[in-house]
Amino acid sequence: MYFLTDLERKLLLNKILPQAREVGVSPQLRGWNWHQPPLKPYYDDVKLPMYAVANRYCPTGRDIYLRFVEKEREKLNEKIGLGKIVHGAVSDALLSFIEGKQITFQEWTEKIRWGEIPAERNRALKVAEKIWSHVWSLCKARLEEAKASQPYASQHDLILSTVPFLIEHKISGELLGLSGLLSIDCYDYLSSIMYDLKYITDEYMDWFRLAPVGYALVFESVHEIPIDVCGVVTVKLLNGKIFVKKDLFFAGDELRSWWIEERDRKLEIVAEGRDPGTPKDNTCPEDCIYYHICYGG
């Protein structure tokens, strides 16, 4: 999922990285300046998870109010369930390969907590198996290629250089007003790219870029390592087949400022207990997990 194709590597080397070097990132928008405006949070007593800040499914942010102020329960759906399955299959397949554990797909399915997956089991398993097989095939191909060119390298070294990913890396976002229990989907430590994985059923949205940018800021705040490139990996089912697409981009000032604005707006909603209301045009999707609260049903 996170391996760069030849075309993506050309895009990275010949467009995105030159742009990052030429334009650069303003010092005040680097994560390590968390203690100064504009990164310094206005509210010290409120901490939000990354999905709350980077999610714009609700245009007004009323979902944040309902969840963290009113403590309303969401109504999960199959889209959420398949998203959990996709994330789990990708991360666990990669981790099992990186750690050298020959876990089969069947063994993995036995550990799934189906009570937490709001999706039809057979359909979810078909999706997960395709994801698992795809990830393992990519990893094995990269490893075999490396073995042919580095015959004296150990298996451990080969894996670390061919699958250079921190998967589900646990990190604290408290310095930026976020939860202390964040989990990064993937950080490519050789190419220095922060990734976020999304399962989608509709069109790609510009705000999908907010999550990896937010994780880049958090990573900078904790480890003080600059991250200039981010990526959104989308997984979609098309005619029963898995379709994977990657959006690579420069995490510049505009995107960082947008993330800060979203964080401040949503921290204020929770801290002040202010109900932002529903969108005036009532264009909320019916698969919103709080649609039943806002509109009944």
Protein backbone atom coordinates (compact mmCIF):
# COMPACT_ATOMS: atom_id res chain seq x y z
CA MET A 1 0.00 0.00 0.00
CA TYR A 2 2.76 2.41 0.91
CA PHE A 3 5.37 1.34 -1.65
CA LEU A 4 6.10 3.98 -4.26
CA THR A 5 5.60 3.04 -7.89
CA ASP A 6 8.13 4.21 -10.49
CA LEU A 7 5.80 7.05 -11.52
CA GLU A 8 5.23 8.12 -7.91
CA ARG A 9 8.96 8.15 -7.23
CA LYS A 10 9.49 10.37 -10.27
CA LEU A 11 6.79 12.70 -9.00
CA LEU A 12 8.45 12.78 -5.59
CA LEU A 13 11.99 13.39 -6.85
CA ASN A 14 11.25 15.78 -9.70
CA LYS A 15 8.31 17.81 -8.42
CA ILE A 16 7.39 17.50 -4.74
CA LEU A 17 10.86 17.53 -3.16
CA PRO A 18 12.14 20.41 -5.36
CA GLN A 19 9.01 22.37 -4.42
CA ALA A 20 9.59 21.67 -0.74
CA ARG A 21 13.21 22.80 -0.97
CA GLU A 22 12.38 25.94 -2.92
CA VAL A 23 9.31 27.08 -0.96
CA GLY A 24 10.11 25.61 2.45
CA VAL A 25 8.01 25.65 5.61
CA SER A 26 7.72 28.69 7.86
CA PRO A 27 9.58 28.07 11.16
CA GLN A 28 6.51 28.92 13.26
CA LEU A 29 4.57 26.14 11.51
CA ARG A 30 7.01 23.38 12.38
CA GLY A 31 5.74 21.01 15.06
CA TRP A 32 8.68 21.65 17.36
CA ASN A 33 7.38 25.21 17.88
CA TRP A 34 4.33 23.79 19.67
CA HIS A 35 4.91 26.17 22.59
CA GLN A 36 4.43 29.30 20.47
CA PRO A 37 1.51 30.69 18.42
CA PRO A 38 -0.05 29.65 16.14
CA LEU A 39 0.66 26.04 17.09
CA LYS A 40 0.23 26.56 20.83
CA PRO A 41 -3.27 25.34 21.78
CA TYR A 42 -5.64 27.89 23.31
CA TYR A 43 -7.16 25.32 25.66
CA ASP A 44 -5.01 23.18 27.96
CA ASP A 45 -7.86 21.14 29.46
CA VAL A 46 -9.23 19.70 26.19
CA LYS A 47 -7.50 16.98 24.18
CA LEU A 48 -8.98 15.60 20.96
CA PRO A 49 -8.11 12.53 18.86
CA MET A 50 -6.71 13.21 15.41
CA TYR A 51 -9.82 11.97 13.62
CA ALA A 52 -11.87 14.64 15.40
CA VAL A 53 -9.63 17.42 14.13
CA ALA A 54 -8.99 16.12 10.60
CA ASN A 55 -12.49 14.81 9.89
CA ARG A 56 -14.76 17.17 7.93
CA TYR A 57 -17.63 14.83 7.16
CA CYS A 58 -19.75 17.23 9.20
CA PRO A 59 -19.32 20.74 7.71
CA THR A 60 -20.19 22.54 10.96
CA GLY A 61 -18.40 20.19 13.34
CA ARG A 62 -21.60 19.25 15.17
CA ASP A 63 -20.40 15.64 15.29
CA ILE A 64 -17.62 16.83 17.61
CA TYR A 65 -20.14 18.58 19.85
CA LEU A 66 -22.42 15.53 20.00
CA ARG A 67 -19.58 13.12 20.77
CA PHE A 68 -17.44 15.07 23.22
CA VAL A 69 -19.94 17.44 24.84
CA GLU A 70 -23.32 15.67 24.77
CA LYS A 71 -21.66 12.22 24.88
CA GLU A 72 -24.14 10.91 22.32
CA ARG A 73 -23.58 7.44 20.91
CA GLU A 74 -22.84 7.16 17.23
CA LYS A 75 -24.61 4.72 14.93
CA LEU A 76 -21.92 2.76 13.15
CA ASN A 77 -22.52 1.38 9.64
CA GLU A 78 -20.95 -0.97 7.11
CA LYS A 79 -18.73 1.77 5.72
CA ILE A 80 -17.17 2.18 9.16
CA GLY A 81 -16.88 -1.58 9.54
CA LEU A 82 -15.13 -2.09 6.23
CA GLY A 83 -12.83 0.82 7.05
CA LYS A 84 -11.78 -0.92 10.26
CA ILE A 85 -11.21 -4.19 8.42
CA VAL A 86 -9.09 -2.49 5.73
CA HIS A 87 -6.96 -0.68 8.31
CA GLY A 88 -6.51 -3.84 10.36
CA ALA A 89 -5.60 -6.02 7.39
CA VAL A 90 -3.05 -3.55 6.01
CA SER A 91 -1.35 -2.80 9.33
CA ASP A 92 -1.31 -6.37 10.64
CA ALA A 93 -0.10 -7.84 7.34
CA LEU A 94 2.76 -5.34 7.21
CA LEU A 95 3.66 -5.80 10.87
CA SER A 96 3.68 -9.59 10.56
CA PHE A 97 6.03 -9.35 7.57
CA ILE A 98 8.34 -6.75 9.15
CA GLU A 99 8.55 -8.73 12.40
CA GLY A 100 9.22 -11.97 10.51
CA LYS A 101 6.05 -13.69 11.74
CA GLN A 102 4.57 -16.13 9.25
CA ILE A 103 0.97 -15.42 10.26
CA THR A 104 -1.57 -16.79 7.83
CA PHE A 105 -4.72 -14.94 6.91
CA GLN A 106 -6.79 -17.61 8.64
CA GLU A 107 -4.83 -17.15 11.88
CA TRP A 108 -5.36 -13.39 11.64
CA THR A 109 -9.14 -13.71 11.19
CA GLU A 110 -9.38 -15.71 14.40
CA LYS A 111 -8.23 -12.64 16.34
CA ILE A 112 -10.85 -10.27 14.89
CA ARG A 113 -13.37 -8.95 17.39
CA TRP A 114 -16.42 -9.24 15.19
CA GLY A 115 -18.60 -7.54 17.77
CA GLU A 116 -16.72 -4.32 17.00
CA ILE A 117 -17.06 -4.62 13.20
CA PRO A 118 -20.45 -3.36 11.96
CA ALA A 119 -20.24 -5.14 8.62
CA GLU A 120 -21.49 -8.37 7.08
CA ARG A 121 -18.84 -10.94 7.99
CA ASN A 122 -18.46 -12.75 4.66
CA ARG A 123 -18.14 -9.49 2.71
CA ALA A 124 -15.64 -8.13 5.23
CA LEU A 125 -13.57 -11.31 5.03
CA LYS A 126 -13.43 -11.18 1.24
CA VAL A 127 -12.17 -7.61 1.37
CA ALA A 128 -9.65 -8.40 4.10
CA GLU A 129 -8.28 -11.45 2.28
CA LYS A 130 -7.68 -9.45 -0.89
CA ILE A 131 -5.91 -6.74 1.12
CA TRP A 132 -3.81 -9.27 3.03
CA SER A 133 -2.74 -11.07 -0.13
CA HIS A 134 -1.95 -7.81 -1.91
CA VAL A 135 0.25 -6.51 0.91
CA TRP A 136 2.17 -9.77 1.36
CA SER A 137 2.73 -10.10 -2.37
CA LEU A 138 4.22 -6.60 -2.54
CA CYS A 139 6.46 -7.19 0.46
CA LYS A 140 7.76 -10.53 -0.80
CA ALA A 141 8.46 -9.10 -4.25
CA ARG A 142 10.47 -6.22 -2.80
CA LEU A 143 12.36 -8.57 -0.51
CA GLU A 144 13.27 -10.99 -3.30
CA GLU A 145 14.47 -8.10 -5.45
CA ALA A 146 16.71 -6.88 -2.62
CA LYS A 147 18.11 -10.37 -2.00
CA ALA A 148 19.28 -10.57 -5.59
CA SER A 149 21.25 -7.32 -5.29
CA GLN A 150 22.45 -7.70 -1.66
CA PRO A 151 23.39 -11.39 -1.26
CA TYR A 152 25.41 -10.82 1.95
CA ALA A 153 22.81 -8.79 3.85
CA SER A 154 20.89 -10.43 6.66
CA GLN A 155 17.16 -11.08 6.37
CA HIS A 156 16.56 -8.50 9.09
CA ASP A 157 18.54 -5.80 7.28
CA LEU A 158 16.84 -6.56 3.99
CA ILE A 159 13.38 -6.24 5.51
CA LEU A 160 14.22 -2.94 7.22
CA SER A 161 15.49 -1.47 3.96
CA THR A 162 12.82 -2.85 1.63
CA VAL A 163 9.81 -2.37 3.92
CA PRO A 164 10.96 0.85 5.66
CA PHE A 165 7.72 1.59 7.48
CA LEU A 166 6.78 2.45 11.02
CA ILE A 167 3.30 0.96 11.24
CA GLU A 168 0.77 2.00 13.88
CA HIS A 169 3.51 3.99 15.60
CA LYS A 170 2.21 5.15 18.98
CA ILE A 171 2.83 8.80 19.73
CA SER A 172 1.50 11.54 21.97
CA GLY A 173 -0.18 14.59 20.48
CA GLU A 174 -0.60 16.37 23.82
CA LEU A 175 1.83 19.15 22.92
CA LEU A 176 -0.56 20.17 20.13
CA GLY A 177 -3.81 19.77 22.02
CA LEU A 178 -4.42 16.20 20.92
CA SER A 179 -4.81 12.84 22.59
CA GLY A 180 -1.80 11.17 24.16
CA LEU A 181 -2.71 7.89 22.45
CA LEU A 182 -2.35 8.63 18.75
CA SER A 183 -1.47 5.89 16.27
CA ILE A 184 0.15 6.75 12.94
CA ASP A 185 -0.94 4.57 10.01
CA CYS A 186 2.49 4.62 8.36
CA TYR A 187 5.70 6.62 8.37
CA ASP A 188 8.22 5.81 5.63
CA TYR A 189 11.44 6.54 7.49
CA LEU A 190 13.71 6.27 4.42
CA SER A 191 11.72 8.64 2.21
CA SER A 192 10.43 10.66 5.18
CA ILE A 193 6.79 10.48 4.09
CA MET A 194 3.85 10.54 6.50
CA TYR A 195 0.91 8.46 5.27
CA ASP A 196 -2.72 8.15 6.22
CA LEU A 197 -4.90 5.29 4.97
CA LYS A 198 -8.56 5.74 4.06
CA TYR A 199 -11.23 3.37 2.86
CA ILE A 200 -13.61 5.32 0.62
CA THR A 201 -16.87 4.68 -1.17
CA ASP A 202 -17.32 8.09 -2.78
CA GLU A 203 -15.08 10.72 -4.32
CA TYR A 204 -11.77 11.90 -2.92
CA MET A 205 -12.04 14.99 -0.69
CA ASP A 206 -9.41 17.71 -0.30
CA TRP A 207 -9.63 17.56 3.50
CA PHE A 208 -8.32 13.99 3.47
CA ARG A 209 -4.91 15.66 3.46
CA LEU A 210 -5.45 17.10 6.94
CA ALA A 211 -4.78 13.83 8.82
CA PRO A 212 -1.27 13.09 7.50
CA VAL A 213 -0.34 16.77 7.85
CA GLY A 214 -1.54 16.65 11.46
CA TYR A 215 0.51 13.52 12.13
CA ALA A 216 3.53 15.20 10.53
CA LEU A 217 3.13 18.12 12.94
CA VAL A 218 2.83 15.76 15.90
CA PHE A 219 5.90 13.79 14.77
CA GLU A 220 7.85 17.04 14.48
CA SER A 221 6.69 18.14 17.94
CA VAL A 222 7.88 14.93 19.60
CA HIS A 223 10.92 13.85 17.58
CA GLU A 224 11.93 17.24 16.06
CA ILE A 225 12.41 15.62 12.66
CA PRO A 226 11.16 17.73 9.71
CA ILE A 227 8.56 16.11 7.48
CA ASP A 228 7.88 17.89 4.21
CA VAL A 229 6.01 15.20 2.27
CA CYS A 230 2.74 13.52 3.13
CA GLY A 231 0.48 11.07 1.37
CA VAL A 232 -3.08 9.80 1.49
CA VAL A 233 -3.56 6.20 0.42
CA THR A 234 -7.16 5.45 -0.54
CA VAL A 235 -8.61 1.97 -0.86
CA LYS A 236 -11.80 1.48 -2.83
CA LEU A 237 -13.80 -1.52 -3.99
CA LEU A 238 -14.57 -1.47 -7.71
CA ASN A 239 -16.49 -4.39 -9.19
CA GLY A 240 -15.28 -6.64 -6.40
CA LYS A 241 -11.63 -5.66 -6.90
CA ILE A 242 -9.33 -3.61 -4.69
CA PHE A 243 -8.35 -0.25 -6.17
CA VAL A 244 -5.50 1.60 -4.44
CA LYS A 245 -4.55 5.20 -5.18
CA LYS A 246 -1.89 7.41 -3.61
CA ASP A 247 -1.99 11.20 -3.26
CA LEU A 248 1.50 12.57 -2.54
CA PHE A 249 1.92 16.25 -1.71
CA PHE A 250 4.08 18.91 -0.10
CA ALA A 251 2.99 19.62 3.48
CA GLY A 252 3.44 23.36 3.20
CA ASP A 253 2.23 26.40 5.11
CA GLU A 254 -1.28 26.44 3.65
CA LEU A 255 -2.11 22.90 4.71
CA ARG A 256 -0.49 23.32 8.11
CA SER A 257 -2.47 26.51 8.73
CA TRP A 258 -5.67 24.77 7.66
CA TRP A 259 -5.03 21.98 10.16
CA ILE A 260 -4.39 24.52 12.93
CA GLU A 261 -7.66 26.32 12.11
CA GLU A 262 -9.58 23.05 12.30
CA ARG A 263 -7.95 22.13 15.59
CA ASP A 264 -8.69 25.51 17.15
CA ARG A 265 -12.29 25.51 15.91
CA LYS A 266 -13.02 22.08 17.31
CA LEU A 267 -11.19 22.62 20.57
CA GLU A 268 -13.35 25.71 21.05
CA ILE A 269 -16.56 23.74 20.38
CA VAL A 270 -15.67 21.28 23.13
CA ALA A 271 -14.15 23.74 25.60
CA GLU A 272 -17.06 26.18 25.33
CA GLY A 273 -19.73 23.51 24.96
CA ARG A 274 -21.06 25.37 21.94
CA ASP A 275 -23.47 23.62 19.59
CA PRO A 276 -22.56 24.74 16.02
CA GLY A 277 -25.85 23.38 14.70
CA THR A 278 -26.58 21.51 11.50
CA PRO A 279 -25.65 22.82 8.02
CA LYS A 280 -28.17 25.37 6.74
CA ASP A 281 -28.66 23.51 3.48
CA ASN A 282 -29.19 20.17 5.27
CA THR A 283 -26.84 18.34 2.89
CA CYS A 284 -25.57 15.89 5.46
CA PRO A 285 -24.98 12.36 4.10
CA GLU A 286 -27.39 9.80 5.49
CA ASP A 287 -24.51 7.50 6.42
CA CYS A 288 -23.23 10.08 8.92
CA ILE A 289 -22.87 8.31 12.26
CA TYR A 290 -24.91 11.10 13.95
CA TYR A 291 -27.57 11.56 11.29
CA HIS A 292 -30.11 9.88 13.57
CA ILE A 293 -29.47 12.51 16.25
CA CYS A 294 -29.66 15.55 14.00
CA TYR A 295 -32.55 14.46 11.81
CA GLY A 296 -34.12 11.48 13.56
CA GLY A 297 -34.48 8.00 12.16
